[in-house]
Amino acid sequence: MTVTFDDQVERFADLYSSSCYNLLHYPQFYFFRAPMTLMPHEINIDRSLHDKVSNQQPSNGISVVRSAIFLCPI
């Protein structure tokens, strides 16, 4: 079984609220989860792939691909 970072965060994350009474508005087994979003490096890769697909010219059989390098801070 492989455990990824997001699985660990999902299992061990705590839910914080100013009052426990705020939880009364949700069903007993409600699954609290943050909305799925792409990380900055994933957004750049997605844009790069989109550029490659949109720059292809299938009509004459020649594909032109514009390459790009994205640097992300570590």
Protein backbone atom coordinates (compact mmCIF):
# COMPACT_ATOMS: atom_id res chain seq x y z
CA MET A 1 0.00 0.00 0.00
CA THR A 2 1.41 3.37 -1.00
CA VAL A 3 0.71 6.35 1.22
CA THR A 4 1.09 9.73 -0.42
CA PHE A 5 1.46 13.06 1.32
CA ASP A 6 -2.12 14.10 0.61
CA ASP A 7 -3.39 10.82 2.09
CA GLN A 8 -1.47 11.53 5.29
CA VAL A 9 -2.76 15.08 5.51
CA GLU A 10 -6.30 13.87 4.92
CA ARG A 11 -6.01 11.26 7.67
CA PHE A 12 -4.31 13.36 10.31
CA ALA A 13 -5.58 16.89 9.67
CA ASP A 14 -7.60 18.53 12.40
CA LEU A 15 -10.73 20.59 11.99
CA TYR A 16 -10.69 23.90 13.85
CA SER A 17 -13.70 26.01 14.77
CA SER A 18 -14.47 28.76 17.24
CA SER A 19 -17.19 26.60 18.75
CA CYS A 20 -18.17 22.95 18.60
CA TYR A 21 -21.76 24.10 18.06
CA ASN A 22 -20.79 25.10 14.51
CA LEU A 23 -20.69 21.39 13.68
CA LEU A 24 -24.39 20.95 14.48
CA HIS A 25 -25.26 22.31 11.02
CA TYR A 26 -23.62 19.31 9.30
CA PRO A 27 -24.64 15.63 9.16
CA GLN A 28 -22.92 13.34 11.66
CA PHE A 29 -20.69 11.67 9.05
CA TYR A 30 -19.95 14.73 6.91
CA PHE A 31 -16.52 14.52 5.22
CA PHE A 32 -14.77 17.87 5.48
CA ARG A 33 -12.33 18.34 2.65
CA ALA A 34 -10.61 21.29 1.02
CA PRO A 35 -11.50 21.95 -2.62
CA MET A 36 -9.18 20.28 -5.12
CA THR A 37 -6.75 22.79 -6.58
CA LEU A 38 -3.59 22.48 -8.63
CA MET A 39 -0.27 23.40 -7.09
CA PRO A 40 1.79 26.12 -8.84
CA HIS A 41 4.09 23.64 -10.60
CA GLU A 42 1.11 21.60 -11.80
CA ILE A 43 -0.53 24.70 -13.27
CA ASN A 44 2.64 25.45 -15.25
CA ILE A 45 2.83 21.91 -16.60
CA ASP A 46 -0.84 22.05 -17.59
CA ARG A 47 -0.27 25.30 -19.50
CA SER A 48 2.80 23.84 -21.20
CA LEU A 49 0.84 20.78 -22.37
CA HIS A 50 -2.00 23.01 -23.56
CA ASP A 51 0.48 25.08 -25.60
CA LYS A 52 1.93 21.93 -27.19
CA VAL A 53 -1.48 20.63 -28.19
CA SER A 54 -2.73 23.98 -29.50
CA ASN A 55 0.43 24.58 -31.58
CA GLN A 56 0.21 21.32 -33.54
CA GLN A 57 -0.71 21.61 -37.21
CA PRO A 58 -2.19 18.27 -38.30
CA SER A 59 -3.40 19.50 -41.72
CA ASN A 60 0.03 19.24 -43.40
CA GLY A 61 1.41 16.45 -41.23
CA ILE A 62 4.04 18.71 -39.62
CA SER A 63 3.82 19.34 -35.90
CA VAL A 64 5.34 22.48 -34.44
CA VAL A 65 5.79 22.43 -30.69
CA ARG A 66 6.81 25.50 -28.75
CA SER A 67 8.82 24.52 -25.69
CA ALA A 68 8.83 26.38 -22.40
CA ILE A 69 10.74 26.01 -19.16
CA PHE A 70 9.11 26.95 -15.88
CA LEU A 71 11.22 27.50 -12.79
CA CYS A 72 9.56 27.11 -9.42
CA PRO A 73 11.12 28.01 -6.08
CA ILE A 74 11.92 25.08 -3.82
